[in-house]
């Protein structure tokens, strides 16, 4: 017997909706997919937002196209789930506000008020750094992290903050829209740096330290847990059957390890999407304080992900395509185009005068984070 399921890869600038067949004989087999783009709004001053409604609309559009093209009846879809971008801030009441993207860096003041005071090492409050590391296995060491953007909303949009029901991430918004239920997988919780990895719950201590209201945090669950079932209206908008089970899924960081087969301690995966990272599966917490590399909970409750990240990897390639006036070229075509160009070495002097970095590009995480990287990479052209 086989089952057909749909997985939604909710990326930074688009969604890929994938149909899989699961059977005891063949395991998991990919059948087909559809893709759709949505916008990323650069608002200036480090502010980057998205409209969660565009995620939902793209989810429905690709689902209907996929079932129509493959001829699979909606009743045969036995479940849906998510692999999603993470560290977004979606503050919802019954209507909501635009999502503050994981790429957003506007919350410098909120970060500085908490972390750049007292006895400092490398510019950060040493006692708060140690508290983060003790409780989470990692830490929030830059304004890009979601807790500071949550506080930015509190300080700058008090009316929205007053009406806030829950603080969600991307896939939690979508599963709530689908089922009416609010649950966050533990790997998503880990990426807020408010999750106690040893106790498996939200940390009251860190919420007090940062000023987060615990009532805004969602109930926690595992990545394989069922969140709920499709509501009638959601089913109609997605083109699926009412009552279809909806499973929590996980973050792109944790599920890239699963999809890449990197399930054993020591397995390494190098990933490049809009962002990029080098990630190792480990069975216990590891921390490299000097390079600000920490450990995040995995989709597998017995595993952790030791991750060094850069914010703008494939996004820089998109910028290159636009600069050479070939925005419709695929990345495979871009690779071929570059290989066909006579190779000559071109290098640029480091420093602001030689800077040629895309809007929204940042250097982050390992070994340092800055929203305004100086200089540009030497490139074969």
Protein backbone atom coordinates (compact mmCIF):
# COMPACT_ATOMS: atom_id res chain seq x y z
CA UNK A 1 0.00 0.00 0.00
CA UNK A 2 1.24 3.51 -0.81
CA UNK A 3 0.25 6.99 0.30
CA UNK A 4 0.61 10.34 -1.40
CA UNK A 5 1.53 13.45 0.58
CA UNK A 6 2.43 17.06 -0.16
CA UNK A 7 5.41 18.89 1.34
CA UNK A 8 5.72 22.67 1.10
CA UNK A 9 9.22 24.11 0.88
CA UNK A 10 8.52 27.66 2.10
CA UNK A 11 11.58 29.64 1.01
CA UNK A 12 12.53 33.28 1.36
CA UNK A 13 11.41 34.34 -2.12
CA UNK A 14 9.26 31.44 -3.29
CA UNK A 15 7.51 28.18 -2.47
CA UNK A 16 8.06 24.74 -3.97
CA UNK A 17 5.12 22.38 -3.56
CA UNK A 18 6.20 18.75 -3.85
CA UNK A 19 4.18 15.56 -4.28
CA UNK A 20 5.66 12.40 -2.76
CA UNK A 21 4.61 8.76 -2.64
CA UNK A 22 5.36 6.80 0.52
CA UNK A 23 5.28 2.99 0.57
CA UNK A 24 6.84 0.18 2.55
CA UNK A 25 8.35 -1.26 -0.62
CA UNK A 26 9.92 1.88 -2.14
CA UNK A 27 10.18 4.22 0.82
CA UNK A 28 9.75 7.87 -0.17
CA UNK A 29 9.58 8.66 -3.89
CA UNK A 30 9.38 12.13 -5.40
CA UNK A 31 6.64 12.44 -8.03
CA UNK A 32 6.30 16.06 -9.13
CA UNK A 33 6.41 19.71 -8.01
CA UNK A 34 5.22 23.23 -8.73
CA UNK A 35 6.84 26.54 -7.79
CA UNK A 36 5.67 30.11 -7.27
CA UNK A 37 7.43 33.31 -6.26
CA UNK A 38 6.47 36.02 -3.78
CA UNK A 39 7.93 39.40 -2.95
CA UNK A 40 10.61 40.46 -0.48
CA UNK A 41 10.18 44.11 0.39
CA UNK A 42 13.33 46.15 1.08
CA UNK A 43 12.07 49.16 3.06
CA UNK A 44 15.36 50.86 3.93
CA UNK A 45 17.18 51.15 7.23
CA UNK A 46 17.66 47.39 7.37
CA UNK A 47 13.90 46.75 7.28
CA UNK A 48 12.80 43.76 5.17
CA UNK A 49 9.23 42.44 5.21
CA UNK A 50 6.92 39.98 3.51
CA UNK A 51 3.14 39.65 3.34
CA UNK A 52 2.12 36.26 4.83
CA UNK A 53 -0.97 36.38 2.60
CA UNK A 54 1.36 35.96 -0.37
CA UNK A 55 2.75 32.73 1.16
CA UNK A 56 -0.78 31.37 1.54
CA UNK A 57 -1.83 32.43 -1.95
CA UNK A 58 1.28 30.80 -3.47
CA UNK A 59 0.62 27.66 -1.45
CA UNK A 60 -2.90 27.38 -2.85
CA UNK A 61 -1.93 28.24 -6.41
CA UNK A 62 0.85 25.63 -6.57
CA UNK A 63 -1.27 22.96 -4.88
CA UNK A 64 -4.10 23.32 -7.38
CA UNK A 65 -1.69 23.33 -10.34
CA UNK A 66 0.12 20.26 -9.02
CA UNK A 67 -3.04 18.17 -8.59
CA UNK A 68 -4.46 19.30 -11.92
CA UNK A 69 -1.27 18.47 -13.83
CA UNK A 70 -0.68 15.09 -12.17
CA UNK A 71 -4.34 14.05 -12.13
CA UNK A 72 -4.16 13.06 -8.46
CA UNK A 73 -7.58 13.40 -6.74
CA UNK A 74 -7.46 15.66 -3.70
CA UNK A 75 -8.97 12.85 -1.61
CA UNK A 76 -5.82 10.76 -2.16
CA UNK A 77 -3.57 13.28 -0.40
CA UNK A 78 -3.11 11.71 3.03
CA UNK A 79 -1.29 14.60 4.67
CA UNK A 80 0.63 17.84 4.19
CA UNK A 81 3.67 19.28 5.95
CA UNK A 82 6.33 21.98 5.72
CA UNK A 83 10.04 22.67 5.35
CA UNK A 84 10.35 26.37 6.00
CA UNK A 85 12.48 29.45 6.29
CA UNK A 86 12.89 30.37 9.94
CA UNK A 87 13.57 33.26 12.34
CA UNK A 88 10.76 35.40 10.94
CA UNK A 89 8.47 37.46 13.16
CA UNK A 90 4.76 37.17 12.34
CA UNK A 91 2.78 38.98 15.04
CA UNK A 92 -0.82 37.89 14.68
CA UNK A 93 -4.12 38.80 16.23
CA UNK A 94 -7.11 37.65 14.22
CA UNK A 95 -5.88 39.68 11.25
CA UNK A 96 -2.09 40.03 11.61
CA UNK A 97 0.63 42.37 10.31
CA UNK A 98 3.29 41.96 7.58
CA UNK A 99 6.00 39.45 8.43
CA UNK A 100 9.37 40.86 9.51
CA UNK A 101 11.79 38.73 7.50
CA UNK A 102 14.67 36.76 8.99
CA UNK A 103 16.91 39.01 6.84
CA UNK A 104 15.70 42.17 8.63
CA UNK A 105 18.28 44.09 10.72
CA UNK A 106 16.30 47.11 11.93
CA UNK A 107 16.36 46.17 15.65
CA UNK A 108 19.88 47.41 16.47
CA UNK A 109 18.64 49.57 19.35
CA UNK A 110 16.67 46.74 20.97
CA UNK A 111 19.66 44.40 20.69
CA UNK A 112 22.09 47.00 22.04
CA UNK A 113 19.94 47.85 25.08
CA UNK A 114 20.07 44.24 26.22
CA UNK A 115 23.39 42.88 25.01
CA UNK A 116 25.83 45.83 24.78
CA UNK A 117 25.77 46.77 28.45
CA UNK A 118 27.67 45.80 31.61
CA UNK A 119 30.84 43.70 31.63
CA UNK A 120 31.52 42.86 27.99
CA UNK A 121 33.59 40.45 25.94
CA UNK A 122 33.72 41.15 22.19
CA UNK A 123 31.19 43.92 22.81
CA UNK A 124 28.57 41.62 24.38
CA UNK A 125 27.43 41.33 28.00
CA UNK A 126 29.38 38.32 29.20
CA UNK A 127 26.80 37.17 31.76
CA UNK A 128 23.94 37.27 29.25
CA UNK A 129 26.04 35.46 26.63
CA UNK A 130 26.78 32.71 29.14
CA UNK A 131 23.10 32.49 30.09
CA UNK A 132 22.11 32.07 26.43
CA UNK A 133 24.74 29.37 25.94
CA UNK A 134 23.81 27.50 29.13
CA UNK A 135 20.10 27.36 28.32
CA UNK A 136 19.94 27.21 24.51
CA UNK A 137 23.32 25.83 23.38
CA UNK A 138 23.65 28.90 21.12
CA UNK A 139 22.73 32.54 21.54
CA UNK A 140 21.22 35.68 20.10
CA UNK A 141 24.28 37.74 19.26
CA UNK A 142 23.00 40.13 16.58
CA UNK A 143 20.00 42.33 15.78
CA UNK A 144 18.89 39.99 12.98
CA UNK A 145 17.65 37.44 15.50
CA UNK A 146 13.88 37.33 16.01
CA UNK A 147 13.68 38.30 19.68
CA UNK A 148 14.97 41.81 18.95
CA UNK A 149 12.50 42.30 16.07
CA UNK A 150 9.70 41.23 18.41
CA UNK A 151 10.87 43.99 20.77
CA UNK A 152 11.08 46.44 17.84
CA UNK A 153 7.36 45.91 17.26
CA UNK A 154 6.71 46.49 20.97
CA UNK A 155 8.67 49.76 20.94
CA UNK A 156 7.60 51.13 17.54
CA UNK A 157 4.14 49.67 16.86
CA UNK A 158 2.52 49.61 20.32
CA UNK A 159 -1.02 49.29 18.97
CA UNK A 160 -0.11 46.17 16.97
CA UNK A 161 1.79 44.78 19.94
CA UNK A 162 -1.18 45.39 22.25
CA UNK A 163 -3.43 43.38 19.91
CA UNK A 164 -0.92 40.56 19.43
CA UNK A 165 -2.29 37.09 20.06
CA UNK A 166 0.79 35.03 19.18
CA UNK A 167 4.28 35.46 17.76
CA UNK A 168 4.67 32.91 14.94
CA UNK A 169 7.20 31.89 12.32
CA UNK A 170 6.40 31.22 8.66
CA UNK A 171 5.22 27.62 8.76
CA UNK A 172 3.41 28.16 12.06
CA UNK A 173 1.41 30.93 10.40
CA UNK A 174 0.56 28.60 7.51
CA UNK A 175 -0.38 25.63 9.69
CA UNK A 176 -2.54 27.94 11.83
CA UNK A 177 -4.22 29.27 8.70
CA UNK A 178 -4.82 25.68 7.60
CA UNK A 179 -6.08 24.21 10.87
CA UNK A 180 -6.88 27.02 13.31
CA UNK A 181 -4.37 25.42 15.70
CA UNK A 182 -1.17 27.10 16.90
CA UNK A 183 1.79 24.84 17.52
CA UNK A 184 5.51 25.37 16.85
CA UNK A 185 8.01 22.59 16.24
CA UNK A 186 10.94 22.51 18.64
CA UNK A 187 13.51 23.27 15.96
CA UNK A 188 11.63 26.52 15.24
CA UNK A 189 11.61 27.30 18.98
CA UNK A 190 15.36 26.69 19.11
CA UNK A 191 15.94 29.31 16.41
CA UNK A 192 14.36 32.01 18.63
CA UNK A 193 17.09 31.40 21.25
CA UNK A 194 14.39 31.31 23.92
CA UNK A 195 14.11 27.52 24.02
CA UNK A 196 15.56 25.50 26.92
CA UNK A 197 17.12 22.57 25.07
CA UNK A 198 17.67 20.50 28.23
CA UNK A 199 14.13 20.86 29.59
CA UNK A 200 12.39 20.91 26.20
CA UNK A 201 10.33 24.03 26.90
CA UNK A 202 10.33 27.81 26.58
CA UNK A 203 12.76 29.44 29.01
CA UNK A 204 11.10 31.75 31.53
CA UNK A 205 14.55 32.96 32.53
CA UNK A 206 15.45 34.12 29.02
CA UNK A 207 12.02 35.66 28.46
CA UNK A 208 12.48 37.74 31.62
CA UNK A 209 15.98 38.76 30.54
CA UNK A 210 14.90 39.87 27.06
CA UNK A 211 11.41 41.19 27.86
CA UNK A 212 9.37 38.66 25.88
CA UNK A 213 5.82 37.96 27.06
CA UNK A 214 5.49 34.19 27.40
CA UNK A 215 1.80 34.35 26.54
CA UNK A 216 2.80 35.28 23.00
CA UNK A 217 4.75 32.03 22.52
CA UNK A 218 2.99 29.07 20.88
CA UNK A 219 2.56 25.57 22.26
CA UNK A 220 5.45 23.27 21.30
CA UNK A 221 5.38 19.98 19.40
CA UNK A 222 7.62 17.60 17.49
CA UNK A 223 8.31 17.91 13.77
CA UNK A 224 6.39 14.69 13.07
CA UNK A 225 3.38 15.62 15.23
CA UNK A 226 0.00 16.30 13.68
CA UNK A 227 -1.01 19.92 14.29
CA UNK A 228 -4.61 19.45 13.18
CA UNK A 229 -6.77 18.91 10.09
CA UNK A 230 -7.67 21.20 7.21
CA UNK A 231 -10.61 23.48 7.96
CA UNK A 232 -13.34 23.76 5.32
CA UNK A 233 -12.35 27.24 4.12
CA UNK A 234 -8.64 26.43 4.09
CA UNK A 235 -9.30 23.21 2.17
CA UNK A 236 -11.30 25.12 -0.46
CA UNK A 237 -8.56 27.75 -0.85
CA UNK A 238 -5.82 25.11 -1.19
CA UNK A 239 -7.80 22.76 -3.43
CA UNK A 240 -7.48 19.89 -0.95
CA UNK A 241 -10.01 17.74 0.91
CA UNK A 242 -11.49 19.00 4.16
CA UNK A 243 -10.01 17.14 7.13
CA UNK A 244 -6.65 16.37 5.49
CA UNK A 245 -4.07 15.92 8.30
CA UNK A 246 -1.52 18.73 8.70
CA UNK A 247 1.86 17.87 10.24
CA UNK A 248 4.25 20.34 11.86
CA UNK A 249 7.35 19.78 9.72
CA UNK A 250 10.55 21.67 10.45
CA UNK A 251 12.98 24.42 9.56
CA UNK A 252 15.07 24.46 6.43
CA UNK A 253 18.20 24.07 8.58
CA UNK A 254 17.03 20.90 10.32
CA UNK A 255 15.30 19.28 7.33
CA UNK A 256 18.18 19.93 4.92
CA UNK A 257 20.12 17.49 7.08
CA UNK A 258 17.33 14.94 6.81
CA UNK A 259 16.88 15.43 3.07
CA UNK A 260 20.63 15.25 2.50
CA UNK A 261 20.87 11.96 4.38
CA UNK A 262 23.07 13.56 7.03
CA UNK A 263 21.50 11.79 9.99
CA UNK A 264 24.53 10.34 11.76
CA UNK A 265 26.83 12.32 14.11
CA UNK A 266 29.65 13.82 12.06
CA UNK A 267 27.69 13.99 8.79
CA UNK A 268 28.25 17.39 7.10
CA UNK A 269 25.98 19.21 4.66
CA UNK A 270 26.91 22.36 2.68
CA UNK A 271 23.81 24.27 1.60
CA UNK A 272 23.21 27.28 -0.64
CA UNK A 273 19.77 28.82 -1.09
CA UNK A 274 18.89 32.45 -0.49
CA UNK A 275 21.20 32.06 2.50
CA UNK A 276 23.83 29.38 2.99
CA UNK A 277 25.46 27.33 5.69
CA UNK A 278 27.80 24.53 6.62
CA UNK A 279 26.05 22.17 9.03
CA UNK A 280 27.16 19.12 11.01
CA UNK A 281 24.87 16.63 12.72
CA UNK A 282 25.95 16.13 16.35
CA UNK A 283 24.54 14.16 19.26
CA UNK A 284 25.38 16.71 21.96
CA UNK A 285 25.73 20.47 22.31
CA UNK A 286 28.81 22.13 20.78
CA UNK A 287 29.73 25.79 21.02
CA UNK A 288 32.54 27.76 19.39
CA UNK A 289 32.41 31.07 21.25
CA UNK A 290 35.30 32.61 19.31
CA UNK A 291 33.48 32.20 15.98
CA UNK A 292 29.94 32.52 17.35
CA UNK A 293 28.93 29.07 16.13
CA UNK A 294 26.31 27.28 18.19
CA UNK A 295 24.02 24.27 18.13
CA UNK A 296 20.32 24.20 17.22
CA UNK A 297 17.76 21.45 17.94
CA UNK A 298 17.21 19.10 15.00
CA UNK A 299 14.00 17.70 13.57
CA UNK A 300 15.20 14.39 15.03
CA UNK A 301 14.77 14.85 18.80
CA UNK A 302 17.98 12.87 19.39
CA UNK A 303 20.12 15.13 17.17
CA UNK A 304 21.42 18.69 17.06
CA UNK A 305 22.62 20.85 14.18
CA UNK A 306 25.99 22.60 14.54
CA UNK A 307 25.67 25.45 12.04
CA UNK A 308 27.85 28.20 10.57
CA UNK A 309 25.70 30.47 8.39
CA UNK A 310 25.89 33.35 5.94
CA UNK A 311 22.73 35.31 5.22
CA UNK A 312 23.10 35.99 1.51
CA UNK A 313 24.36 33.19 -0.70
CA UNK A 314 22.04 32.44 -3.61
CA UNK A 315 20.45 35.87 -3.12
CA UNK A 316 23.74 37.38 -4.29
CA UNK A 317 23.54 35.26 -7.46
CA UNK A 318 20.07 36.69 -8.13
CA UNK A 319 21.56 40.19 -7.79
CA UNK A 320 24.29 39.27 -10.28
CA UNK A 321 21.67 38.12 -12.81
CA UNK A 322 19.87 41.44 -12.49
CA UNK A 323 23.11 43.42 -12.89
CA UNK A 324 23.98 41.67 -16.18
CA UNK A 325 20.39 42.25 -17.34
CA UNK A 326 19.45 38.57 -17.48
CA UNK A 327 16.82 38.33 -14.69
CA UNK A 328 14.92 35.44 -16.35
CA UNK A 329 17.98 33.20 -16.63
CA UNK A 330 17.90 30.06 -14.48
CA UNK A 331 20.79 29.38 -12.13
CA UNK A 332 21.86 26.43 -14.29
CA UNK A 333 21.91 28.71 -17.32
CA UNK A 334 23.89 31.27 -15.31
CA UNK A 335 26.52 28.64 -14.51
CA UNK A 336 26.81 27.77 -18.21
CA UNK A 337 26.97 31.46 -19.13
CA UNK A 338 29.83 32.06 -16.72
CA UNK A 339 31.75 29.02 -18.00
CA UNK A 340 31.48 30.31 -21.58
CA UNK A 341 32.90 33.74 -20.74
CA UNK A 342 36.69 34.06 -21.25
CA UNK A 343 38.22 33.82 -17.79
CA UNK A 344 40.19 36.76 -16.61
CA UNK A 345 41.01 37.64 -13.07
CA UNK A 346 39.31 40.68 -11.63
CA UNK A 347 39.79 41.76 -8.06
CA UNK A 348 38.53 44.70 -6.10
CA UNK A 349 40.28 46.66 -3.37
CA UNK A 350 38.75 46.04 0.05
CA UNK A 351 36.94 48.85 1.79
CA UNK A 352 33.82 50.97 1.32
CA UNK A 353 35.11 52.66 -1.85
CA UNK A 354 35.34 49.26 -3.58
CA UNK A 355 32.13 47.86 -2.16
CA UNK A 356 29.71 46.26 -4.61
CA UNK A 357 27.40 44.18 -2.44
CA UNK A 358 23.69 43.58 -3.09
CA UNK A 359 21.05 45.48 -1.10
CA UNK A 360 20.11 43.40 1.92
CA UNK A 361 23.34 41.37 1.85
CA UNK A 362 24.94 40.70 5.20
CA UNK A 363 27.89 38.88 6.62
CA UNK A 364 26.68 36.98 9.65
CA UNK A 365 27.22 34.34 12.27
CA UNK A 366 30.62 32.91 11.58
CA UNK A 367 33.02 34.46 12.22
CA UNK A 368 31.27 37.84 12.55
CA UNK A 369 28.05 39.64 11.70
CA UNK A 370 27.63 42.96 9.94
CA UNK A 371 24.68 44.30 7.92
CA UNK A 372 27.05 46.45 5.83
CA UNK A 373 29.91 44.26 4.59
CA UNK A 374 32.79 46.26 3.11
CA UNK A 375 34.50 45.31 -0.13
CA UNK A 376 33.54 42.64 -2.60
CA UNK A 377 34.76 39.19 -3.46
CA UNK A 378 37.34 38.57 -6.14
CA UNK A 379 35.53 36.93 -9.03
CA UNK A 380 36.28 35.07 -12.25
CA UNK A 381 34.53 36.87 -15.11
